[in-house]
Amino acid sequence: MIYEFRTYTIVPRSLPEVLKRFGDAIEARQKISPLAAFWYTEIGPLNQIIHVWPYENALERTKLREAAVKSGGWPPKVHDYLIDMQSEILTPLPYSPPLAPCDLGPIYEMRSYTLKPGGIPDMAARWKEALPERTKISPLAGVFTSEIGALNKWVHIWPYKSLQHREETRKAAIATGKWPPGSGGPSMTIRQENKIMLPAPFSPMK
């Protein structure tokens, strides 16, 4: 299983219209393959939408995207509102839950870490050990490594009921003494970024 994360930066104040156009087209698109999630940013890099599509492999992705274009209804006509488009193929870790329809939000935090080359196996081992205790406090939406796009990335997504719930949960996790699990020391992590996202009305992950 792979996930394509498509991140579009849009013109300021165009979000309502962009969401409307995607919403009008999404039902027909999902007859070809399912949407995993559709978010827009609230804190962090603003004016972004992130839509996530699961595929069995790269070949299936190519075939289904071609079918979507041939259908005539996809992609929605939002090009006039686009400033930048990025696509990344991410692979879930073996212990990552699937991105499935849920009502765990409405706050979703996406944290993206760039590690030095060779750092992924150590990070994976540390997470495998620490994650069971962390998920007793609040659920994990998914954790991934990058396959195509910016490499050596570690991406994890956490749902919360509110920003206050996020703050309380993170404090409780740190208080256990087992979280965060680390990434092989300060020298292993090159960069850390996060964004707070909200689900679009038609997102399967609410």
Protein backbone atom coordinates (compact mmCIF):
# COMPACT_ATOMS: atom_id res chain seq x y z
CA MET A 1 0.00 0.00 0.00
CA ILE A 2 1.18 3.50 -0.86
CA TYR A 3 -0.38 6.89 -0.21
CA GLU A 4 -0.11 9.88 -2.48
CA PHE A 5 -0.15 13.15 -0.55
CA ARG A 6 -0.97 16.01 -2.91
CA THR A 7 -0.38 19.44 -1.39
CA TYR A 8 -1.64 22.49 -3.24
CA THR A 9 -0.94 26.05 -2.22
CA ILE A 10 -3.84 28.24 -3.28
CA VAL A 11 -4.55 31.93 -3.68
CA PRO A 12 -5.45 33.62 -0.36
CA ARG A 13 -9.20 33.76 0.30
CA SER A 14 -9.93 31.19 -2.43
CA LEU A 15 -10.46 28.26 -0.03
CA PRO A 16 -14.29 28.30 -0.04
CA GLU A 17 -14.44 28.17 -3.83
CA VAL A 18 -11.69 25.56 -4.13
CA LEU A 19 -13.43 23.30 -1.59
CA LYS A 20 -16.73 23.75 -3.40
CA ARG A 21 -15.24 22.69 -6.72
CA PHE A 22 -13.53 19.67 -5.22
CA GLY A 23 -16.71 18.80 -3.35
CA ASP A 24 -18.75 18.93 -6.55
CA ALA A 25 -16.33 16.56 -8.31
CA ILE A 26 -15.32 14.18 -5.53
CA GLU A 27 -18.28 11.79 -5.68
CA ALA A 28 -17.62 10.88 -9.30
CA ARG A 29 -13.88 10.61 -8.65
CA GLN A 30 -14.44 8.18 -5.80
CA LYS A 31 -16.26 5.81 -8.13
CA ILE A 32 -12.81 5.17 -9.59
CA SER A 33 -10.86 4.93 -6.34
CA PRO A 34 -11.42 6.07 -2.76
CA LEU A 35 -10.21 9.27 -1.17
CA ALA A 36 -8.45 8.72 2.17
CA ALA A 37 -8.54 12.28 3.50
CA PHE A 38 -8.86 15.90 2.45
CA TRP A 39 -7.58 18.61 4.78
CA TYR A 40 -6.85 22.32 4.67
CA THR A 41 -4.33 24.14 6.83
CA GLU A 42 -5.33 26.25 9.79
CA ILE A 43 -1.97 26.84 11.53
CA GLY A 44 1.46 26.67 9.93
CA PRO A 45 1.76 27.17 6.16
CA LEU A 46 -1.57 28.77 5.28
CA ASN A 47 -3.66 28.46 2.12
CA GLN A 48 -2.85 24.81 1.58
CA ILE A 49 -5.08 21.86 0.80
CA ILE A 50 -3.84 18.30 1.25
CA HIS A 51 -5.65 15.40 -0.38
CA VAL A 52 -4.53 11.85 0.21
CA TRP A 53 -5.13 8.91 -2.13
CA PRO A 54 -4.35 5.25 -1.35
CA TYR A 55 -3.13 2.86 -4.03
CA GLU A 56 -1.86 -0.69 -4.00
CA ASN A 57 1.23 0.30 -5.95
CA ALA A 58 2.60 2.82 -8.46
CA LEU A 59 1.14 0.93 -11.43
CA GLU A 60 -2.37 1.06 -9.99
CA ARG A 61 -1.91 4.77 -9.29
CA THR A 62 -1.05 5.42 -12.95
CA LYS A 63 -4.02 3.42 -14.25
CA LEU A 64 -6.56 4.97 -11.87
CA ARG A 65 -5.37 8.52 -12.45
CA GLU A 66 -5.63 7.99 -16.20
CA ALA A 67 -9.16 6.65 -15.75
CA ALA A 68 -10.10 9.67 -13.64
CA VAL A 69 -8.90 12.10 -16.31
CA LYS A 70 -10.68 10.16 -19.06
CA SER A 71 -13.93 10.39 -17.10
CA GLY A 72 -14.02 14.10 -17.92
CA GLY A 73 -14.88 15.24 -14.41
CA TRP A 74 -11.43 15.22 -12.88
CA PRO A 75 -9.45 17.15 -11.86
CA PRO A 76 -11.84 19.94 -10.84
CA LYS A 77 -11.29 23.28 -12.52
CA VAL A 78 -9.23 25.00 -9.85
CA HIS A 79 -6.10 25.85 -11.84
CA ASP A 80 -6.78 29.59 -11.66
CA TYR A 81 -6.46 29.36 -7.87
CA LEU A 82 -3.27 27.29 -7.71
CA ILE A 83 0.09 28.79 -6.80
CA ASP A 84 2.06 25.60 -6.23
CA MET A 85 1.47 21.83 -6.45
CA GLN A 86 3.48 19.10 -4.78
CA SER A 87 3.05 15.34 -4.78
CA GLU A 88 4.73 12.83 -2.47
CA ILE A 89 4.41 9.06 -2.33
CA LEU A 90 4.55 7.86 1.28
CA THR A 91 4.74 4.29 2.56
CA PRO A 92 3.10 3.42 5.91
CA LEU A 93 5.19 1.81 8.61
CA PRO A 94 4.13 -1.76 9.47
CA TYR A 95 2.55 -0.58 12.72
CA SER A 96 0.72 2.38 11.16
CA PRO A 97 -3.07 2.19 11.20
CA PRO A 98 -4.70 2.56 7.78
CA LEU A 99 -6.08 5.95 6.82
CA ALA A 100 -9.72 4.92 7.11
CA PRO A 101 -12.97 6.90 7.49
CA CYS A 102 -13.24 8.11 11.07
CA ASP A 103 -14.47 10.89 13.32
CA LEU A 104 -11.38 11.46 15.48
CA GLY A 105 -10.80 15.17 14.77
CA PRO A 106 -11.57 17.82 13.83
CA ILE A 107 -7.98 18.86 14.59
CA TYR A 108 -5.26 16.96 12.72
CA GLU A 109 -1.59 17.65 13.28
CA MET A 110 0.84 16.58 10.57
CA ARG A 111 4.45 16.49 11.76
CA SER A 112 7.19 16.04 9.13
CA TYR A 113 10.77 15.30 10.12
CA THR A 114 13.70 15.19 7.74
CA LEU A 115 16.38 12.76 8.92
CA LYS A 116 19.95 12.33 7.83
CA PRO A 117 20.41 9.56 5.27
CA GLY A 118 20.35 6.17 7.01
CA GLY A 119 18.27 7.39 9.94
CA ILE A 120 14.96 5.74 9.06
CA PRO A 121 15.67 2.22 10.44
CA ASP A 122 16.69 3.58 13.84
CA MET A 123 13.64 5.83 13.99
CA ALA A 124 11.39 2.91 13.05
CA ALA A 125 12.81 0.76 15.83
CA ARG A 126 12.42 3.50 18.44
CA TRP A 127 8.83 4.15 17.42
CA LYS A 128 7.93 0.47 17.46
CA GLU A 129 9.04 0.29 21.08
CA ALA A 130 7.45 3.54 22.30
CA LEU A 131 4.24 3.77 20.27
CA PRO A 132 2.05 1.34 22.31
CA GLU A 133 2.33 3.54 25.40
CA ARG A 134 1.76 6.72 23.38
CA THR A 135 -1.42 5.45 21.74
CA LYS A 136 -2.90 4.67 25.16
CA ILE A 137 -3.16 8.45 25.55
CA SER A 138 -4.58 9.32 22.12
CA PRO A 139 -4.79 7.56 18.76
CA LEU A 140 -2.35 7.81 15.88
CA ALA A 141 -3.86 8.48 12.44
CA GLY A 142 -0.79 7.28 10.54
CA VAL A 143 3.00 7.26 10.31
CA PHE A 144 4.89 7.12 7.01
CA THR A 145 8.25 7.37 5.33
CA SER A 146 8.79 9.05 1.98
CA GLU A 147 9.25 6.92 -1.11
CA ILE A 148 9.02 9.50 -3.91
CA GLY A 149 9.45 13.24 -3.44
CA ALA A 150 11.57 14.70 -0.65
CA LEU A 151 13.50 11.74 0.72
CA ASN A 152 14.42 10.73 4.28
CA LYS A 153 11.13 12.12 5.58
CA TRP A 154 9.22 10.77 8.57
CA VAL A 155 5.60 11.93 8.58
CA HIS A 156 3.13 11.30 11.39
CA ILE A 157 -0.45 12.50 11.77
CA TRP A 158 -2.35 12.82 15.05
CA PRO A 159 -6.05 13.64 15.52
CA TYR A 160 -7.34 15.75 18.41
CA LYS A 161 -10.73 17.03 19.51
CA SER A 162 -9.41 20.57 20.01
CA LEU A 163 -6.19 22.53 20.35
CA GLN A 164 -6.57 22.26 24.12
CA HIS A 165 -6.90 18.49 23.81
CA ARG A 166 -3.69 18.51 21.78
CA GLU A 167 -1.83 20.49 24.43
CA GLU A 168 -3.08 18.28 27.27
CA THR A 169 -2.28 15.09 25.36
CA ARG A 170 1.24 16.14 24.45
CA LYS A 171 1.98 17.08 28.07
CA ALA A 172 0.65 13.72 29.26
CA ALA A 173 2.78 11.89 26.69
CA ILE A 174 5.96 13.70 27.72
CA ALA A 175 5.17 13.01 31.38
CA THR A 176 5.41 9.26 30.73
CA GLY A 177 9.14 9.67 30.10
CA LYS A 178 8.83 7.47 27.02
CA TRP A 179 7.69 10.04 24.48
CA PRO A 180 8.91 11.36 22.13
CA PRO A 181 11.01 8.30 21.26
CA GLY A 182 13.79 10.37 19.70
CA SER A 183 15.56 9.96 16.39
CA GLY A 184 19.08 8.86 17.26
CA GLY A 185 20.13 12.11 18.92
CA PRO A 186 19.95 15.76 17.85
CA SER A 187 22.42 15.22 15.01
CA MET A 188 20.14 12.71 13.28
CA THR A 189 17.21 15.10 12.76
CA ILE A 190 17.88 17.79 10.21
CA ARG A 191 14.54 19.58 10.19
CA GLN A 192 11.10 19.44 11.83
CA GLU A 193 7.88 20.99 10.59
CA ASN A 194 4.26 20.77 11.60
CA LYS A 195 0.89 21.97 10.39
CA ILE A 196 -2.53 22.00 11.98
CA MET A 197 -5.23 20.93 9.55
CA LEU A 198 -9.01 20.76 9.45
CA PRO A 199 -11.05 18.30 7.38
CA ALA A 200 -13.00 19.42 4.36
CA PRO A 201 -16.77 18.72 4.60
CA PHE A 202 -16.39 15.75 2.23
CA SER A 203 -13.25 14.29 3.85
CA PRO A 204 -13.68 10.65 4.97
CA MET A 205 -11.50 11.46 7.97
CA LYS A 206 -13.38 13.98 10.06
